[in-house]
Every structure is written in structure tokens, then in C-alpha cells.
Protein backbone atom coordinates (compact mmCIF):
# COMPACT_ATOMS: atom_id res chain seq x y z
CA MET A 1 -0.22 0.14 -0.17
CA ILE A 2 1.42 3.43 -1.05
CA SER A 3 0.53 6.45 1.25
CA THR A 4 -0.61 9.73 0.11
CA VAL A 5 1.93 12.71 0.92
CA ASN A 6 0.09 15.45 1.07
CA PHE A 7 1.80 18.83 1.06
CA MET A 8 0.77 23.04 1.75
CA ARG A 9 3.16 26.36 1.30
CA LYS A 10 2.34 29.26 3.59
CA PRO A 11 5.04 31.92 5.05
CA CYS A 12 7.11 30.53 7.41
CA LEU A 13 6.20 31.60 11.17
CA GLY A 14 9.94 32.40 12.04
CA PHE A 15 11.79 33.55 8.79
CA GLY A 16 9.51 34.69 6.20
CA GLY A 17 10.18 31.66 3.53
CA LEU A 18 7.91 28.94 2.96
CA GLU A 19 7.50 25.81 5.35
CA ARG A 20 6.14 22.61 4.35
CA HIS A 21 3.05 20.49 6.64
CA ASN A 22 3.06 16.71 5.95
CA SER A 23 -0.45 16.01 6.64
CA PRO A 24 -0.58 12.26 7.80
CA GLY A 25 1.82 12.74 11.02
CA ILE A 26 3.59 15.10 12.52
CA ALA A 27 6.66 15.95 11.28
CA LYS A 28 7.41 19.56 9.47
CA PHE A 29 10.55 20.63 7.32
CA CYS A 30 11.01 24.14 6.95
CA LEU A 31 12.08 25.68 3.78
CA CYS A 32 13.66 28.76 5.15
CA GLY A 33 17.38 27.15 6.30
CA THR A 34 16.81 26.59 9.81
CA ALA A 35 14.34 25.94 12.59
CA CYS A 36 12.20 28.61 13.35
CA ALA A 37 10.52 29.25 16.90
CA GLY A 38 7.02 28.72 15.00
CA TRP A 39 8.77 25.44 14.17
CA TYR A 40 10.06 24.36 17.04
CA HIS A 41 6.60 24.82 19.53
CA TRP A 42 4.59 23.32 16.51
CA LYS A 43 6.82 20.03 16.74
CA ILE A 44 7.13 20.25 20.41
CA GLU A 45 3.61 20.17 20.84
CA ASN A 46 2.11 17.57 18.75
CA TYR A 47 5.16 15.27 19.48
CA MET A 48 3.67 15.48 23.23
CA ARG A 49 0.43 15.49 22.02
CA ALA A 50 1.34 12.45 20.35
CA MET A 51 2.56 10.60 22.90
CA ALA A 52 0.41 8.60 25.93
CA LEU A 53 1.59 10.62 29.14
CA PRO A 54 -0.94 9.16 31.38
CA PRO A 55 -0.89 10.56 35.28
CA ASP A 56 1.56 7.69 36.30
CA THR A 57 4.62 8.82 33.67
CA PRO A 58 7.54 10.01 35.86
CA PHE A 59 8.52 13.63 35.38
CA GLU A 60 11.78 12.48 34.36
CA ASP A 61 10.73 10.23 31.33
CA VAL A 62 8.43 13.33 30.93
CA LEU A 63 12.02 15.28 30.17
CA ILE A 64 13.41 12.72 28.22
CA LYS A 65 10.44 13.06 25.60
CA LEU A 66 10.34 16.52 25.63
CA LYS A 67 14.29 16.40 24.99
CA LYS A 68 13.61 14.23 22.56
CA ALA A 69 10.91 16.53 20.79
CA ARG A 70 13.64 18.68 20.55
CA GLU A 71 16.12 16.22 18.62
CA GLY A 72 16.11 17.35 14.91
CA SER A 73 19.06 18.30 12.15
CA ASP A 74 18.51 22.23 13.00
CA ILE A 75 19.31 21.51 16.53
CA ARG A 76 23.43 21.06 17.47
CA GLN A 77 23.41 21.09 21.17
CA VAL A 78 20.51 21.57 23.67
CA ALA A 79 21.27 22.54 27.35
CA GLU A 80 18.03 22.06 29.86
CA VAL A 81 17.41 22.89 33.28
CA VAL A 82 14.36 22.08 35.31
CA LEU A 83 12.72 25.85 36.78
CA LYS A 84 10.24 24.29 38.86
CA LYS A 85 9.29 21.14 39.48
CA GLY A 86 5.32 20.95 40.52
CA PRO A 87 3.15 20.06 42.36
CA ARG A 88 0.99 20.93 39.35
CA ALA A 89 2.89 23.45 37.05
CA TYR A 90 6.66 22.00 35.90
CA LYS A 91 8.51 24.50 34.15
CA THR A 92 11.46 24.32 31.78
CA ALA A 93 14.26 26.28 29.92
CA ALA A 94 16.06 24.92 27.07
CA LEU A 95 18.53 27.07 25.12
CA LEU A 96 19.30 25.30 21.27
CA GLU A 97 21.91 25.44 19.27
CA VAL A 98 20.24 26.47 15.95
CA ILE A 99 22.39 25.30 13.15
CA ASN A 100 21.91 26.20 9.41
CA LYS A 101 21.44 22.97 7.32
CA GLN A 102 23.43 24.23 4.44
CA THR A 103 26.92 24.94 6.04
CA GLY A 104 26.82 23.72 9.60
CA GLU A 105 27.17 26.57 11.07
CA LEU A 106 25.86 28.30 14.38
CA HIS A 107 23.55 30.24 13.20
CA HIS A 108 21.70 32.09 16.14
CA HIS A 109 20.77 30.65 19.68
CA THR A 110 16.81 30.36 21.01
CA LEU A 111 16.30 30.25 24.67
CA VAL A 112 12.74 28.56 25.23
CA LEU A 113 10.65 28.59 28.64
CA GLU A 114 8.28 25.95 28.87
CA GLN A 115 5.66 24.59 31.34
CA ILE A 116 3.57 21.64 31.74
CA LYS A 117 0.77 20.97 33.68
CA TYR A 118 0.08 17.94 35.88
CA THR A 119 -3.33 16.77 36.99
CA LYS A 120 -4.76 13.14 38.09
CA LYS A 121 -7.22 13.23 35.55
CA ASN A 122 -5.47 14.22 32.48
CA GLY A 123 -1.73 13.38 33.12
CA TRP A 124 0.94 15.75 31.15
CA GLU A 125 -0.39 18.18 29.13
CA TYR A 126 2.08 20.97 26.99
CA GLU A 127 0.33 24.31 27.87
CA SER A 128 1.56 26.17 24.50
CA LYS A 129 0.12 29.25 25.72
CA HIS A 130 2.79 29.74 28.59
CA LYS A 131 5.62 29.24 26.13
CA ILE A 132 8.57 32.17 26.02
CA THR A 133 10.95 31.85 23.13
CA LEU A 134 13.83 34.54 23.37
CA GLU A 135 16.01 34.35 19.90
CA ASP A 136 19.27 35.62 18.60
CA LYS A 137 18.17 35.35 15.21
CA ASP A 138 17.90 39.30 14.41
CA GLY A 139 18.40 40.81 18.07
CA GLN A 140 20.84 39.68 20.80
CA GLU A 141 17.42 38.57 23.03
CA VAL A 142 19.06 35.93 24.88
CA HIS A 143 22.26 37.64 24.96
CA ASP A 144 20.71 40.80 26.69
CA LEU A 145 18.50 39.07 29.36
CA PHE A 146 21.94 37.22 30.11
CA VAL A 147 23.62 40.10 30.50
CA PHE A 148 20.73 41.60 32.49
CA LEU A 149 20.62 39.28 35.51
CA ASN A 150 24.54 39.26 35.74
CA ALA A 151 24.77 42.62 35.81
CA HIS A 152 21.83 42.37 38.46
CA TYR A 153 22.82 38.80 40.72
CA SER A 154 26.80 40.81 40.41
CA GLY A 155 25.09 43.71 42.61
CA GLU A 156 26.41 45.53 39.67
CA LEU A 157 22.97 47.61 39.10
CA GLN A 158 22.14 47.77 43.53
CA ASP A 159 20.14 50.33 43.88
CA LYS A 160 20.48 52.26 40.39
CA ILE A 161 17.32 53.80 38.63
CA GLY A 162 17.28 53.79 34.95
CA LYS A 163 17.88 51.18 31.99
CA LEU A 164 20.05 49.06 31.52
CA HIS A 165 21.95 49.24 27.93
CA VAL A 166 23.79 46.37 26.64
CA LEU A 167 26.32 47.44 23.85
CA SER A 168 28.59 45.25 21.81
CA ASP A 169 32.05 46.16 21.62
CA GLU A 170 32.43 48.41 18.69
CA ALA A 171 30.13 50.43 20.27
CA TYR A 172 31.46 50.34 23.47
CA ALA A 173 34.36 50.96 21.42
CA LYS A 174 33.20 54.34 19.89
CA TYR A 175 31.15 55.71 23.50
CA GLU A 176 34.88 55.52 25.08
CA ARG A 177 36.68 57.54 22.67
CA LEU A 178 33.56 59.59 22.42
CA ILE A 179 34.19 60.25 26.34
CA GLN A 180 38.25 60.23 25.80
CA LEU A 181 37.66 63.98 23.49
CA ILE A 182 35.42 65.48 25.55
CA PRO A 183 38.08 67.49 27.43
CA GLY A 184 39.89 68.64 24.48
CA LEU A 185 36.47 70.47 23.12
CA ASP A 186 36.02 73.63 23.60
CA ASP A 187 32.95 75.37 25.30
CA ASN A 188 30.76 76.29 22.04
CA GLU A 189 31.65 72.72 20.93
CA LYS A 190 30.81 70.84 24.25
CA LEU A 191 27.14 72.66 23.91
CA GLY A 192 26.57 71.30 20.58
CA LEU A 193 27.35 67.95 21.53
CA ILE A 194 24.98 68.45 24.53
CA GLY A 195 22.44 69.97 22.22
CA GLN A 196 22.50 66.42 20.33
CA LEU A 197 22.24 64.58 23.58
CA LEU A 198 19.40 66.52 24.35
CA ALA A 199 17.76 66.08 21.38
CA ASN A 200 17.94 62.66 21.58
CA VAL A 201 16.53 61.44 25.44
CA GLU A 202 13.33 60.74 25.69
CA GLY A 203 11.35 59.54 28.61
CA VAL A 204 13.98 60.51 31.27
CA LYS A 205 11.77 60.99 34.50
CA ARG A 206 13.04 64.54 36.74
CA GLU A 207 14.57 62.62 39.64
CA GLU A 208 17.33 61.29 37.24
CA PHE A 209 17.79 64.94 35.86
CA GLY A 210 18.13 66.02 39.27
CA LYS A 211 20.98 63.05 40.27
CA LEU A 212 23.04 64.62 37.15
CA PHE A 213 22.69 68.52 38.04
CA ALA A 214 23.12 67.93 41.64
CA ALA A 215 27.24 66.91 40.25
CA THR A 216 27.08 70.14 38.15
CA SER A 217 28.71 73.47 39.02
CA GLY A 218 26.98 76.76 40.59
CA ASP A 219 27.57 78.73 37.71
CA THR A 220 26.27 76.34 35.22
CA LEU A 221 23.56 75.02 37.14
CA HIS A 222 22.04 78.42 36.85
CA HIS A 223 22.77 79.06 33.72
CA ILE A 224 20.82 75.74 32.76
CA ALA A 225 17.84 76.28 35.04
CA ALA A 226 17.47 80.28 33.61
CA SER A 227 17.33 78.92 30.11
CA SER A 228 15.34 76.14 30.19
CA ARG A 229 12.59 78.39 31.74
CA MET A 230 13.52 81.11 29.28
CA VAL A 231 13.00 78.28 25.98
CA GLU A 232 9.51 77.44 28.03
CA TYR A 233 8.52 81.27 29.12
CA ARG A 234 9.28 81.65 24.80
CA ALA A 235 6.95 79.17 23.58
CA ALA A 236 4.06 79.90 26.32
CA TYR A 237 4.54 83.38 25.35
CA GLU A 238 3.81 82.34 21.39
CA GLU A 239 1.08 80.26 21.62
CA MET A 240 -0.58 83.01 23.86
CA LEU A 241 0.06 85.58 21.37
CA ALA A 242 -1.57 83.02 19.13
CA LEU A 243 -4.37 82.99 21.17
CA VAL A 244 -4.59 86.52 21.21
CA GLU A 245 -4.82 86.96 17.19
CA ASP A 246 -6.56 84.43 16.33
CA PRO A 247 -10.45 85.65 16.70
CA GLU A 248 -11.70 81.85 17.14
CA SER A 249 -10.29 81.67 20.23
CA ASN A 250 -12.76 81.53 23.00
CA GLU A 251 -12.82 82.08 26.98
CA HIS A 252 -12.19 78.58 27.62
CA ASP A 253 -8.87 78.99 25.29
CA LEU A 254 -7.60 81.68 26.94
CA GLN A 255 -8.37 80.56 30.74
CA LYS A 256 -6.84 77.01 29.69
CA HIS A 257 -3.30 78.53 28.57
CA LEU A 258 -3.37 80.80 31.58
CA ASP A 259 -4.19 77.72 34.01
CA LYS A 260 -0.84 75.98 33.17
CA ASN A 261 1.47 79.51 32.32
CA PRO A 262 0.40 82.06 35.44
CA TRP A 263 3.70 83.87 35.44
CA MET A 264 1.82 86.22 32.54
CA PHE A 265 0.10 87.52 35.27
CA GLY A 266 3.53 88.75 36.30
CA SER A 267 5.25 89.19 39.87
CA GLU A 268 2.80 91.20 41.13
CA TYR A 269 1.23 88.09 42.25
CA SER A 270 2.87 85.00 43.99
CA GLU A 271 0.42 82.64 44.23
CA LEU A 272 -2.66 81.26 41.94
CA LEU A 273 -5.61 79.56 43.67
CA SER A 274 -6.74 76.34 42.47
CA ARG A 275 -10.30 76.73 44.26
CA ARG A 276 -12.73 78.47 42.32
CA HIS A 277 -15.58 78.43 44.25
CA TRP A 278 -15.60 81.01 46.67
CA THR A 279 -19.71 82.19 47.48
CA ARG A 280 -22.49 79.70 46.66
CA ASP A 281 -23.82 80.73 43.16
CA ASP A 282 -20.42 81.92 42.13
CA GLU A 283 -17.34 80.30 39.96
CA LEU A 284 -14.75 83.25 39.53
CA ASP A 285 -11.69 82.68 36.61
CA TYR A 286 -9.10 83.33 39.16
CA MET A 287 -8.66 84.12 42.43
CA LEU A 288 -4.52 85.82 42.41
CA ARG A 289 -2.77 86.15 45.52
CA ARG A 290 -0.63 89.90 45.99
CA THR A 291 2.99 89.31 46.35
CA VAL A 292 3.32 92.82 48.15
CA ASP A 293 0.18 92.07 51.24
CA ASP A 294 -0.72 88.60 50.73
CA TYR A 295 -4.16 89.96 50.01
CA LEU A 296 -6.38 88.16 46.95
CA GLU A 297 -7.49 89.94 44.06
CA ILE A 298 -9.80 88.84 41.52
CA VAL A 299 -9.12 88.28 37.92
CA GLU A 300 -11.80 87.94 34.76
CA ILE A 301 -10.92 86.60 31.78
CA LYS A 302 -12.90 87.62 28.71
CA THR A 303 -12.10 87.38 24.85
CA ALA A 304 -9.60 89.22 23.06
CA PHE A 305 -11.90 90.88 20.51
CA SER A 306 -10.64 93.68 18.62
CA GLU A 307 -14.17 95.82 18.96
CA PRO A 308 -13.09 99.11 20.31
CA LEU A 309 -13.61 98.72 24.61
CA PHE A 310 -15.22 102.76 24.46
CA LEU A 311 -17.32 104.75 22.02
CA HIS A 312 -17.09 107.95 21.17
CA ASP A 313 -19.82 110.58 22.36
CA LYS A 314 -19.52 113.92 19.52
CA SER A 315 -21.61 115.68 21.13
CA HIS A 316 -20.09 115.88 24.34
CA ASP A 317 -16.57 114.34 22.95
CA SER A 318 -16.18 111.85 25.45
CA TYR A 319 -15.46 108.24 25.75
CA TYR A 320 -17.83 105.89 27.14
CA PRO A 321 -17.91 101.84 27.59
CA SER A 322 -19.14 99.83 25.59
CA SER A 323 -22.02 97.34 26.12
CA LYS A 324 -19.15 94.23 26.14
CA LEU A 325 -16.84 96.33 28.51
CA SER A 326 -19.96 97.57 31.05
CA LYS A 327 -21.27 94.30 31.44
CA ALA A 328 -17.77 92.34 32.24
CA ILE A 329 -17.87 95.28 34.73
CA GLY A 330 -21.26 94.90 36.39
CA GLN A 331 -20.01 90.69 37.01
CA VAL A 332 -17.03 91.70 38.62
CA MET A 333 -18.69 94.47 40.90
CA ARG A 334 -21.33 91.58 41.58
CA TYR A 335 -18.12 89.24 42.52
CA ILE A 336 -16.96 91.36 44.39
CA ASP A 337 -20.25 91.89 46.69
CA GLU A 338 -20.75 88.60 46.73
CA VAL A 339 -17.74 87.30 48.22
CA GLU A 340 -17.65 90.56 50.71
CA ARG A 341 -21.02 89.69 52.01
CA ASN A 342 -19.63 86.24 52.45
CA ARG A 343 -16.18 87.74 54.13
CA ASP A 344 -16.98 86.43 57.56
CA SER A 345 -17.68 82.48 56.96
CA ILE A 346 -14.67 82.63 54.18
CA ILE A 347 -11.86 83.73 57.15
CA ALA A 348 -13.39 81.35 59.54
CA LYS A 349 -13.26 78.36 56.77
CA ASP A 350 -9.76 79.51 54.61
CA LYS A 351 -7.97 81.89 57.69
CA VAL A 352 -8.19 84.62 54.30
CA ASP A 353 -9.45 88.13 54.94
CA THR A 354 -11.06 88.88 51.48
CA LEU A 355 -12.26 92.69 53.26
CA LYS A 356 -12.16 95.41 50.57
CA ILE A 357 -10.83 92.73 47.40
CA LYS A 358 -10.21 94.31 44.22
CA ALA A 359 -10.55 93.00 40.82
CA ARG A 360 -8.79 93.63 37.79
CA VAL A 361 -10.26 92.47 33.76
CA ILE A 362 -8.67 91.28 31.02
CA VAL A 363 -10.66 92.36 27.87
CA GLY A 364 -10.25 93.52 24.07
CA ARG A 365 -7.26 94.59 22.43
CA ASP A 366 -5.23 98.12 22.48
CA GLY A 367 -6.82 99.59 20.07
CA THR A 368 -6.41 103.20 18.79
CA PRO A 369 -4.36 105.88 20.84
CA GLU A 370 -7.45 107.55 21.64
CA GLN A 371 -8.80 103.93 22.46
CA GLN A 372 -5.88 103.90 25.20
CA VAL A 373 -6.63 106.95 26.56
CA ALA A 374 -9.43 106.55 27.26
CA LEU A 375 -8.89 103.13 29.35
CA ARG A 376 -6.25 104.67 31.13
CA ASN A 377 -9.15 107.84 32.35
CA PHE A 378 -11.62 104.99 33.00
CA ASN A 379 -9.35 102.89 35.66
CA SER A 380 -8.77 106.37 36.95
CA HIS A 381 -12.38 106.20 38.32
CA LEU A 382 -12.93 103.37 38.71
CA HIS A 383 -12.29 102.40 42.83
CA GLY A 384 -10.97 98.71 43.69
CA ILE A 385 -11.33 97.53 39.92
CA GLU A 386 -9.18 97.34 37.00
CA VAL A 387 -8.93 96.72 33.18
CA ILE A 388 -6.17 95.84 31.37
CA THR A 389 -6.47 94.71 27.38
CA PHE A 390 -5.05 91.39 26.16
CA ASP A 391 -2.12 93.30 24.73
CA GLN A 392 -0.63 94.49 28.26
CA LEU A 393 -1.12 91.02 29.65
CA LEU A 394 1.54 90.29 26.53
CA ARG A 395 3.67 92.80 27.41
CA ILE A 396 3.64 91.53 31.04
CA ALA A 397 4.81 88.33 30.00
CA GLU A 398 7.10 89.95 27.74
CA ARG A 399 9.05 91.70 30.78
CA VAL A 400 9.14 88.53 32.90
CA LEU A 401 11.17 87.28 29.85
CA SER A 402 13.24 90.05 29.63
CA MET A 403 14.36 88.86 32.81
CA PHE A 404 15.83 85.99 31.82
CA GLU A 405 17.02 86.97 28.00
CA ASP A 406 19.09 90.03 29.54
CA ASP A 407 22.46 90.11 28.59
CA ARG A 408 23.33 91.62 31.65
CA SER A 409 22.04 88.55 33.31
CA ASP A 410 24.49 86.66 32.68
CA GLU A 411 27.20 88.86 35.04
CA ALA A 412 24.23 88.98 37.75
CA PRO A 413 24.28 86.94 40.67
CA PRO A 414 20.87 84.22 41.06
CA GLY A 415 19.47 86.74 43.41
CA ASP A 416 19.14 89.60 41.76
CA PHE A 417 16.19 88.32 39.59
CA ASP A 418 15.05 85.06 40.73
CA ASP A 419 12.62 86.46 43.57
CA ASP A 420 10.80 88.51 41.02
CA ILE A 421 10.08 85.74 38.75
CA PRO A 422 6.15 84.96 39.39
CA PHE A 423 5.22 81.31 40.85
């Protein structure tokens, strides 16, 4: 009787070639030249399923069958160890030397972690869902794991925080040459190197930067801190400018940006309070603590509309507030009344005195010189309320930036301007 062998071809699970399956039996041949992980697990699982492994089979016999299943023309040597021995789960690790069948040379190592379940009812079962395979085929997975475990158990890592990177001899030689070159670089070249390094740094925690800067000299650390904040503030300023110039920006957009950048309110304030509800029915935009006297001040944000804040009365040659400005003033006046009415409960609950609390309204744009004069006159007649435009707010932020960008700050000691930095 002549048996019929059926073949089918499909992409190889490991090497991207083709594999041939002999459907009647359990043999499987990979046509990509070497054994792959998919081939290995397919072989083991089918071999173990085909063998009768009743509950009374000793574990040593199971290991022999596993070793038998690992044998193949592509496998030159197998080193194995039992990691866990029962009572229900048995775990093993096997390191395989996989060779190229055409040349006979070592192609790569494969480390396989496997689990076999034992029950009195079903006997021994190979659990393919728990298998883990590491290969040195396209990378250095087995080698890197070895280096990591060796470094850990030898005490080299200890309490170190960070990532362990394994470098090849060639890469480490380049690293050593770079370290040797650094002392001979001038300051500008060193800064250029630092810039390239920082451009490729991602995911580093603040604590790790703190350890790095702890060994930095005072002057250098001061320059780094000032330059870092300058870059951060400049980016925030440019974003705020874009929001003010965009007619589609709404109150929420502006408030959200100022929430992240309270320094834009200037050094006049020392703290932005997170609490928004100070009375039963009102939610304030901002409550800020004044730097000079520690008192609180209400800040109300409107939109940066371009319409004039004041209208001209030709018959009397005078300016009066527009409806948008009048509405904002009326809203702030109500806030002040409610906060003062609840002064006693605020003192008792928050230990903060809101006596004669003041308010600032940020609304609209500067407009023409006549509009700016009208705003100045208007503010001079208000009591406890001040109106500023978003252009004025941007100038306040620009002033804060100038503390960092002024060349004279390079010669000045840190204390000369650090105390003026808001928040």
C-alpha cells in the first residue's frame, strides 16, 4: 500500500520563507534553511500530544520525551534546566544551538521557557500558551537577558534607577573614544554635543535629571535653569500671542493656557489659588494672591475681541464704555459684593481675609491711541477694579521674559532677579 503525502505551503512563522507540512504525521520541515520558533513549538506540542503521557508517568520520563522532541537536523546542542518542579506546574528552560543546514555553522541561539501541567485526571499536558521564546536571530534577546541577570545578581545594578543598555564591543569602543575627546573640546563644541544628546533624550524622569545636575557647578546650574525656563516661557508666550491674534479663540482657550502659565500675570502676584468657588452661586475665573500684601484679588478673563472698548460721544467729545465692557464690569462688581458678603465664613473656613478685595478684568485689545487714553482715564475713576487689555497682559509676560533674555543677567548673581520670578 502506498500512502499519499499531501503538502501545503504558507509563510514561515519565523524566517519569512516557506514551510511544508506533512499532514498525515507530525513531521514539519522549514524551507527557510534553519529551525524557527514557530516550527519548534509546533513540533513540541504535536509530539507531546501524540505521545501517551498518563498520570503515572514520572517527570523524568517527561523530560526525556521533551528532549527527544527537541532533536532535529537543525539543532546541534540542547542545554536544559528545570526551573519549577510541581506540584501542578512544571517549568523548564532550554537553550538551543540552531545551525544552518547548508553550512553546518551556528546560526543563532534560541532560549525556550516552557510549562507542563500535571493533573491526576488528565496526566501531563504541554501548555503552549505559557511558552516564551527568545532568539538571537535578528537581535540579541538571549544575550541581553543574560547580561541583565548577570549584572543584577552580581550587584552591579544595586539601587540604580534607569535602563540597562547592552552595547556591542564596537559600540562601546566608540563610546570610550567620545568620552576621551570631550576634555579637548571648546565650550561651544561641548554645548553642541549637549544639544545633540538632549534632542535624543526621551522618557527620562525628573529625578534622573536631578541626580545629573547635583554634580554640576553653581554657575552652570544657574545658567541651565534660567535658559530652560526661558525656552519654556518663550514657547508659552508665542502660543498666547497666537491665541490673542486668533479671532476664533474663546474664553476657555485663554483660561486653559493661563492655567498652565500663571507667570504671565506678572510678579505682582505670588500664587494662583486652585479654588474657583468662593460663594454659593459664583465660579470665579481666577483668585490670585498679591505679592506685596498677601491679599487676594479677583481676575476675570474675557475674550480678546478687536471691537473698541469705548464709544465716542461726539456731542460731548467724550468716551463711554461699550456694552461688552460694561457687562464685564457689572459681573465683577457682583463678584466683589458676594465675596465681601461672605467674608466672615471665608475667614472661618479658609483663614483668608477678603476685606476690600480688588478685581482685575482682562478684556479686548489696545485699539487706537485714543482708546488707550480712554482706558487710562476710565481706570482712574474706578474704585477697586482695574481693566487691562490682552495686549497689556502680553507686555507683562514680555517683561518676565526679559529677565531671562537680558544679557546683563549673565553677570548678575542669581539673587538679583530670581526673587522677581512669579510663581
